[in-house]
Amino acid sequence: MLLDKLPELKRKFKELEDQLSDPELMANNRAYAKIAREHNELSHILKVFHKYEELMVSIDEDESILHGEDDELKEIVREELDGLHEQRAQLEEDLKILLIPTDPVDSGAAILEIRAGAGGDEAALFAMDLVRMYMRYAENNNWKYEFITHSEIGGGGTKEAIIQVTGENAYGTLKFESGVHRVQRIPQTESSGRIHTSAATVAVLPEAEEVDIEINAGDLRIDTFRASGAGGQHVNKTESAIRITHMPSGMVVSCQDESSQHKNKDKAMKVLRARLLAAEREKQDSQVAAMRKTLVSTGDRSAKIRTYNYPQGRVTDHRINLTLYRLEEITNGDLSELHEKLVAAEMVNRLESL
């Protein structure tokens, strides 16, 4: 019964309140913000629980009247009970969703990696379209974004872009974008008007703090080299570009966008921490994948998740069989309807697996 969970939630809430009054925690801004966020979330859950508790008392009182002798009052109560039972069913659904454990990294920043896939120059142009789409989506959500690295090709295409997106629930929203995005359209260079299919891959990683992932300095090989621009020309004469190799995993991260070697190293380390955290989470997720269905985390990153069809003006998300004829709005950064549907489907999947 749902009410059986209430004492434990009240105990946890009191525990969090005590922590928030601890001077040591108050001195640690990051830790304090984390506890305060958890306290706020639990406060909302308890408000709904108390409403449910009061509703159950009303239902019990009305049902006791049905066992009395006042027929006129019984008729009134029966009508009232119908409405109360509907309210109870709705509150129970709300509570089930609220009690689904949240991923602690959802509320934080994200590292967004976009790479051109099959399709040559057209794939690179599509990758650039995705970069612009996410930049506009970030602006719509009042998030900040910063390029960690951006490798462009001639003609305005993108070979690879790695972007840090900072804002409330940035990762929790953008994580649904991981996978292969496919475009169907007539390239500008196609004289015969034939539709081409190209692809780009998107990987969304939770930004990892130093406390989340411990990296031994002895496990790193750091190389410096001269940053170069499109076509191979050197954009400066100093070795400011950084390449970091994590020896145990074999992961390699390069950054050359900044003129400062120190800044390039900081950015490269952000990406490395995010990739190591994602690898660790993927390993943990795979251990429970058989027990729960999900649209994210355990999904195959090589799987096609979405198609953008320009001749028909449609966008299809293959995970939930959703087609929207709003391609222009979506590619201009209006992803809200897509994400609302994806979040709803994810909730259904997780409720079924509870």
Protein backbone atom coordinates (compact mmCIF):
# COMPACT_ATOMS: atom_id res chain seq x y z
CA MET A 1 0.00 0.00 0.00
CA LEU A 2 1.29 3.48 -0.88
CA LEU A 3 0.73 4.84 2.65
CA ASP A 4 3.16 2.25 3.99
CA LYS A 5 5.95 4.28 2.37
CA LEU A 6 5.01 7.48 4.23
CA PRO A 7 6.90 6.89 7.53
CA GLU A 8 10.16 6.21 5.69
CA LEU A 9 9.73 9.32 3.54
CA LYS A 10 9.06 11.45 6.63
CA ARG A 11 12.20 10.04 8.28
CA LYS A 12 14.26 10.85 5.19
CA PHE A 13 12.80 14.38 5.04
CA LYS A 14 13.76 15.03 8.69
CA GLU A 15 17.25 13.71 7.94
CA LEU A 16 17.66 16.14 5.05
CA GLU A 17 16.38 19.05 7.15
CA ASP A 18 18.99 18.27 9.80
CA GLN A 19 21.72 18.17 7.15
CA LEU A 20 20.68 21.55 5.75
CA SER A 21 21.22 23.14 9.16
CA ASP A 22 24.74 21.68 9.43
CA PRO A 23 27.34 24.53 9.23
CA GLU A 24 29.86 22.24 7.50
CA LEU A 25 27.42 21.45 4.71
CA MET A 26 26.47 25.11 4.35
CA ALA A 27 30.13 25.90 3.70
CA ASN A 28 30.17 23.49 0.75
CA ASN A 29 28.05 25.14 -1.96
CA ARG A 30 27.93 22.14 -4.29
CA ALA A 31 27.00 19.63 -1.57
CA TYR A 32 24.46 22.04 -0.05
CA ALA A 33 22.76 22.60 -3.43
CA LYS A 34 22.49 18.84 -3.94
CA ILE A 35 20.87 18.25 -0.53
CA ALA A 36 18.60 21.29 -0.95
CA ARG A 37 17.39 19.96 -4.31
CA GLU A 38 16.66 16.54 -2.80
CA HIS A 39 14.87 18.21 0.13
CA ASN A 40 12.73 20.27 -2.24
CA GLU A 41 11.79 17.20 -4.33
CA LEU A 42 10.84 15.21 -1.23
CA SER A 43 8.83 18.14 0.11
CA HIS A 44 6.71 18.06 -3.06
CA ILE A 45 6.19 14.28 -2.76
CA LEU A 46 5.10 14.62 0.89
CA LYS A 47 2.55 17.32 -0.02
CA VAL A 48 0.94 14.94 -2.50
CA PHE A 49 1.10 12.13 0.08
CA HIS A 50 -0.65 14.27 2.70
CA LYS A 51 -3.36 15.10 0.17
CA TYR A 52 -3.74 11.37 -0.51
CA GLU A 53 -3.82 10.64 3.22
CA GLU A 54 -6.64 13.18 3.79
CA LEU A 55 -8.53 11.77 0.81
CA MET A 56 -8.34 8.23 2.23
CA VAL A 57 -9.76 9.48 5.54
CA SER A 58 -12.69 11.07 3.68
CA ILE A 59 -13.32 7.84 1.77
CA ASP A 60 -13.29 5.80 5.01
CA GLU A 61 -15.75 8.21 6.65
CA ASP A 62 -18.13 8.10 3.69
CA GLU A 63 -17.97 4.32 3.46
CA SER A 64 -18.83 4.03 7.15
CA ILE A 65 -21.98 6.09 6.49
CA LEU A 66 -23.04 3.48 3.92
CA HIS A 67 -23.33 0.99 6.77
CA GLY A 68 -25.74 3.30 8.65
CA GLU A 69 -29.53 3.59 8.43
CA ASP A 70 -29.98 7.03 6.87
CA ASP A 71 -30.98 6.20 3.27
CA GLU A 72 -31.05 9.83 2.14
CA LEU A 73 -27.51 10.43 3.44
CA LYS A 74 -26.37 7.18 1.85
CA GLU A 75 -27.47 8.43 -1.59
CA ILE A 76 -25.53 11.69 -1.13
CA VAL A 77 -22.45 9.79 0.00
CA ARG A 78 -22.57 7.38 -2.95
CA GLU A 79 -22.40 10.31 -5.40
CA GLU A 80 -19.58 11.87 -3.42
CA LEU A 81 -17.63 8.61 -3.29
CA ASP A 82 -17.58 8.32 -7.07
CA GLY A 83 -15.65 11.58 -7.27
CA LEU A 84 -13.37 10.65 -4.36
CA HIS A 85 -12.45 7.32 -5.96
CA GLU A 86 -11.55 9.11 -9.20
CA GLN A 87 -9.35 11.52 -7.23
CA ARG A 88 -7.71 8.58 -5.44
CA ALA A 89 -6.90 6.81 -8.72
CA GLN A 90 -5.31 9.98 -10.12
CA LEU A 91 -3.29 10.65 -6.96
CA GLU A 92 -2.08 7.04 -6.90
CA GLU A 93 -0.79 7.40 -10.48
CA ASP A 94 0.87 10.71 -9.57
CA LEU A 95 2.55 9.16 -6.54
CA LYS A 96 3.78 6.15 -8.49
CA ILE A 97 5.53 8.49 -10.92
CA LEU A 98 6.91 10.67 -8.11
CA LEU A 99 8.28 7.60 -6.33
CA ILE A 100 10.26 6.44 -9.37
CA PRO A 101 13.91 6.98 -8.36
CA THR A 102 15.38 9.95 -10.19
CA ASP A 103 18.82 9.86 -11.75
CA PRO A 104 21.00 12.26 -9.71
CA VAL A 105 22.85 13.44 -12.83
CA ASP A 106 19.63 14.46 -14.63
CA SER A 107 19.59 17.91 -13.05
CA GLY A 108 23.16 18.71 -14.07
CA ALA A 109 25.09 19.80 -17.13
CA ALA A 110 25.65 17.72 -20.26
CA ILE A 111 28.45 17.09 -22.72
CA LEU A 112 26.97 16.89 -26.21
CA GLU A 113 29.02 15.14 -28.92
CA ILE A 114 27.87 15.41 -32.54
CA ARG A 115 29.69 13.65 -35.38
CA ALA A 116 29.05 13.39 -39.10
CA GLY A 117 28.31 9.81 -40.14
CA ALA A 118 27.70 8.15 -43.49
CA GLY A 119 26.98 10.50 -46.36
CA GLY A 120 30.12 12.54 -47.03
CA ASP A 121 29.78 16.32 -47.21
CA GLU A 122 25.99 16.09 -46.88
CA ALA A 123 26.41 14.26 -43.56
CA ALA A 124 28.73 17.03 -42.36
CA LEU A 125 26.17 19.67 -43.35
CA PHE A 126 23.48 17.74 -41.47
CA ALA A 127 25.75 17.52 -38.41
CA MET A 128 26.05 21.31 -38.53
CA ASP A 129 22.24 21.57 -38.74
CA LEU A 130 22.02 19.46 -35.56
CA VAL A 131 24.59 21.70 -33.86
CA ARG A 132 22.46 24.76 -34.67
CA MET A 133 19.29 22.95 -33.54
CA TYR A 134 20.77 22.20 -30.12
CA MET A 135 22.20 25.72 -29.76
CA ARG A 136 18.73 27.18 -30.35
CA TYR A 137 17.14 24.62 -28.03
CA ALA A 138 19.62 25.62 -25.32
CA GLU A 139 18.73 29.28 -25.85
CA ASN A 140 15.00 28.45 -25.64
CA ASN A 141 15.64 26.81 -22.25
CA ASN A 142 17.88 29.62 -20.99
CA TRP A 143 20.84 27.23 -20.85
CA LYS A 144 24.41 28.26 -21.50
CA TYR A 145 26.54 26.40 -24.02
CA GLU A 146 30.23 26.44 -24.84
CA PHE A 147 32.14 24.63 -27.58
CA ILE A 148 34.84 22.38 -26.18
CA THR A 149 35.96 21.50 -29.68
CA HIS A 150 34.53 22.07 -33.15
CA SER A 151 36.07 20.52 -36.23
CA GLU A 152 34.58 22.08 -39.36
CA ILE A 153 35.02 21.27 -43.03
CA GLY A 154 34.82 23.50 -46.07
CA GLY A 155 31.33 24.49 -47.17
CA GLY A 156 29.94 25.00 -43.67
CA GLY A 157 29.79 21.41 -42.47
CA THR A 158 30.81 19.87 -39.15
CA LYS A 159 33.02 16.83 -38.81
CA GLU A 160 32.78 16.80 -35.01
CA ALA A 161 31.47 19.15 -32.33
CA ILE A 162 31.68 18.70 -28.57
CA ILE A 163 29.57 21.17 -26.60
CA GLN A 164 29.15 21.72 -22.87
CA VAL A 165 25.53 22.60 -22.04
CA THR A 166 24.90 24.05 -18.58
CA GLY A 167 21.46 24.63 -17.09
CA GLU A 168 18.70 23.15 -14.96
CA ASN A 169 17.97 19.57 -16.02
CA ALA A 170 20.17 19.90 -19.13
CA TYR A 171 21.34 16.28 -19.09
CA GLY A 172 17.94 14.91 -18.02
CA THR A 173 16.38 16.52 -21.10
CA LEU A 174 19.12 16.08 -23.69
CA LYS A 175 19.87 12.43 -22.85
CA PHE A 176 17.01 11.38 -25.17
CA GLU A 177 19.05 12.68 -28.12
CA SER A 178 21.72 9.94 -27.96
CA GLY A 179 21.77 7.76 -31.06
CA VAL A 180 21.88 7.97 -34.84
CA HIS A 181 19.97 10.80 -36.51
CA ARG A 182 19.13 10.30 -40.19
CA VAL A 183 18.26 12.94 -42.78
CA GLN A 184 16.49 12.47 -46.11
CA ARG A 185 16.71 15.44 -48.48
CA ILE A 186 17.99 16.68 -51.84
CA PRO A 187 21.55 18.02 -51.42
CA GLN A 188 22.27 21.46 -52.92
CA THR A 189 24.91 19.82 -55.12
CA GLU A 190 22.46 17.24 -56.52
CA SER A 191 21.52 18.36 -60.03
CA SER A 192 19.11 15.50 -60.71
CA GLY A 193 16.93 16.24 -57.70
CA ARG A 194 17.54 12.81 -56.16
CA ILE A 195 16.89 12.41 -52.44
CA HIS A 196 19.95 11.37 -50.43
CA THR A 197 20.05 9.71 -47.02
CA SER A 198 22.81 10.78 -44.64
CA ALA A 199 23.41 10.37 -40.93
CA ALA A 200 25.03 11.90 -37.88
CA THR A 201 25.60 10.43 -34.44
CA VAL A 202 24.81 12.19 -31.18
CA ALA A 203 26.16 11.13 -27.78
CA VAL A 204 24.96 12.92 -24.64
CA LEU A 205 27.06 12.42 -21.51
CA PRO A 206 26.47 13.73 -17.99
CA GLU A 207 29.18 16.19 -17.03
CA ALA A 208 31.31 14.59 -14.33
CA GLU A 209 32.87 16.47 -11.44
CA GLU A 210 36.23 15.48 -10.05
CA VAL A 211 34.45 13.89 -7.08
CA ASP A 212 32.43 11.68 -9.45
CA ILE A 213 35.40 10.16 -11.27
CA GLU A 214 38.84 9.73 -9.74
CA ILE A 215 41.58 9.86 -12.36
CA ASN A 216 45.11 8.88 -11.45
CA ALA A 217 47.57 11.34 -13.01
CA GLY A 218 49.91 8.42 -13.61
CA ASP A 219 47.31 6.86 -15.92
CA LEU A 220 47.44 9.82 -18.30
CA ARG A 221 49.73 10.52 -21.24
CA ILE A 222 49.51 14.17 -22.25
CA ASP A 223 50.86 15.26 -25.62
CA THR A 224 51.00 18.78 -27.02
CA PHE A 225 50.91 19.79 -30.67
CA ARG A 226 50.25 22.80 -32.84
CA ALA A 227 46.59 23.62 -33.38
CA SER A 228 45.61 23.61 -37.03
CA GLY A 229 42.63 25.00 -38.87
CA ALA A 230 40.59 23.76 -41.80
CA GLY A 231 42.75 22.50 -44.64
CA GLY A 232 45.67 21.79 -42.31
CA GLN A 233 47.09 25.32 -41.93
CA HIS A 234 48.49 26.15 -38.50
CA VAL A 235 46.48 28.74 -36.62
CA ASN A 236 49.30 29.50 -34.18
CA LYS A 237 53.00 28.85 -33.78
CA THR A 238 52.94 27.39 -30.26
CA GLU A 239 52.02 23.89 -29.16
CA SER A 240 48.79 24.89 -27.42
CA ALA A 241 46.69 21.91 -28.55
CA ILE A 242 46.36 19.03 -26.10
CA ARG A 243 45.87 15.31 -26.58
CA ILE A 244 45.16 13.24 -23.46
CA THR A 245 45.31 9.45 -23.51
CA HIS A 246 43.82 7.53 -20.60
CA MET A 247 46.04 4.46 -20.59
CA PRO A 248 43.77 1.96 -18.72
CA SER A 249 40.77 2.54 -21.01
CA GLY A 250 42.55 3.64 -24.18
CA MET A 251 40.31 6.72 -24.41
CA VAL A 252 41.86 9.64 -26.32
CA VAL A 253 40.58 13.22 -26.08
CA SER A 254 41.96 16.18 -28.04
CA CYS A 255 41.22 19.89 -27.73
CA GLN A 256 42.70 22.75 -29.74
CA ASP A 257 40.01 25.43 -29.81
CA GLU A 258 41.66 27.66 -27.18
CA SER A 259 44.93 29.53 -27.66
CA SER A 260 45.92 28.60 -24.09
CA GLN A 261 47.38 25.15 -23.44
CA HIS A 262 45.98 25.26 -19.90
CA LYS A 263 42.42 25.97 -21.12
CA ASN A 264 42.64 23.21 -23.73
CA LYS A 265 43.77 20.78 -21.03
CA ASP A 266 40.87 21.76 -18.75
CA LYS A 267 38.35 21.24 -21.55
CA ALA A 268 39.89 17.91 -22.58
CA MET A 269 39.75 16.69 -18.97
CA LYS A 270 36.03 17.60 -18.79
CA VAL A 271 35.34 15.41 -21.81
CA LEU A 272 37.52 12.58 -20.48
CA ARG A 273 35.76 12.60 -17.09
CA ALA A 274 32.35 12.62 -18.81
CA ARG A 275 33.29 9.68 -21.05
CA LEU A 276 34.71 7.65 -18.16
CA LEU A 277 31.59 8.32 -16.06
CA ALA A 278 29.36 7.35 -19.01
CA ALA A 279 31.33 4.12 -19.50
CA GLU A 280 30.97 3.25 -15.82
CA ARG A 281 27.22 4.05 -15.86
CA GLU A 282 26.76 1.99 -19.03
CA LYS A 283 28.45 -0.94 -17.34
CA GLN A 284 26.16 -0.63 -14.33
CA ASP A 285 23.05 -0.13 -16.50
CA SER A 286 23.78 -3.25 -18.53
CA GLN A 287 23.63 -5.29 -15.33
CA VAL A 288 20.01 -4.26 -14.71
CA ALA A 289 18.90 -3.86 -18.33
CA ALA A 290 17.08 -7.20 -18.30
CA MET A 291 14.99 -6.02 -15.35
CA ARG A 292 13.75 -2.75 -16.79
CA LYS A 293 12.84 -1.18 -20.09
CA THR A 294 14.15 2.29 -20.89
CA LEU A 295 14.53 4.60 -23.84
CA VAL A 296 17.89 5.87 -22.62
CA SER A 297 21.09 4.68 -20.95
CA THR A 298 20.93 1.05 -21.97
CA GLY A 299 20.04 1.83 -25.58
CA ASP A 300 22.37 0.91 -28.42
CA ARG A 301 24.14 4.11 -29.45
CA SER A 302 24.43 2.82 -33.00
CA ALA A 303 20.63 2.50 -33.25
CA LYS A 304 18.70 4.87 -35.53
CA ILE A 305 16.48 6.96 -33.27
CA ARG A 306 15.14 9.70 -35.53
CA THR A 307 14.59 10.59 -39.20
CA TYR A 308 14.29 14.12 -40.59
CA ASN A 309 12.50 13.95 -43.96
CA TYR A 310 12.68 17.31 -45.73
CA PRO A 311 10.50 16.60 -48.82
CA GLN A 312 7.59 15.61 -46.54
CA GLY A 313 8.42 18.13 -43.79
CA ARG A 314 8.28 15.44 -41.11
CA VAL A 315 10.32 14.21 -38.18
CA THR A 316 9.86 10.63 -36.98
CA ASP A 317 11.14 9.31 -33.65
CA HIS A 318 11.43 5.55 -34.14
CA ARG A 319 11.58 4.67 -30.42
CA ILE A 320 7.99 5.74 -29.80
CA ASN A 321 6.67 5.62 -33.40
CA LEU A 322 5.91 9.34 -33.29
CA THR A 323 5.73 11.41 -36.48
CA LEU A 324 5.38 15.20 -36.37
CA TYR A 325 4.94 17.34 -39.47
CA ARG A 326 6.84 20.22 -37.85
CA LEU A 327 10.32 19.75 -39.31
CA GLU A 328 11.12 23.46 -39.68
CA GLU A 329 10.14 24.29 -36.09
CA ILE A 330 12.01 21.29 -34.70
CA THR A 331 15.23 21.97 -36.61
CA ASN A 332 14.97 25.58 -35.38
CA GLY A 333 15.19 24.33 -31.80
CA ASP A 334 11.58 23.59 -30.82
CA LEU A 335 12.11 20.09 -29.39
CA SER A 336 9.67 20.53 -26.50
CA GLU A 337 6.83 18.39 -27.91
CA LEU A 338 9.23 15.58 -28.88
CA HIS A 339 10.78 15.53 -25.43
CA GLU A 340 7.43 15.64 -23.64
CA LYS A 341 6.34 12.52 -25.54
CA LEU A 342 9.67 10.78 -24.89
CA VAL A 343 9.54 11.56 -21.16
CA ALA A 344 5.96 10.26 -20.96
CA ALA A 345 6.93 7.02 -22.77
CA GLU A 346 9.95 6.61 -20.50
CA MET A 347 7.71 6.96 -17.43
CA VAL A 348 5.34 4.28 -18.75
CA ASN A 349 8.26 1.93 -19.39
CA ARG A 350 9.68 2.46 -15.92
CA LEU A 351 6.28 2.09 -14.23
CA GLU A 352 5.78 -1.23 -16.05
CA SER A 353 9.13 -2.47 -14.79
CA LEU A 354 8.53 -1.55 -11.14
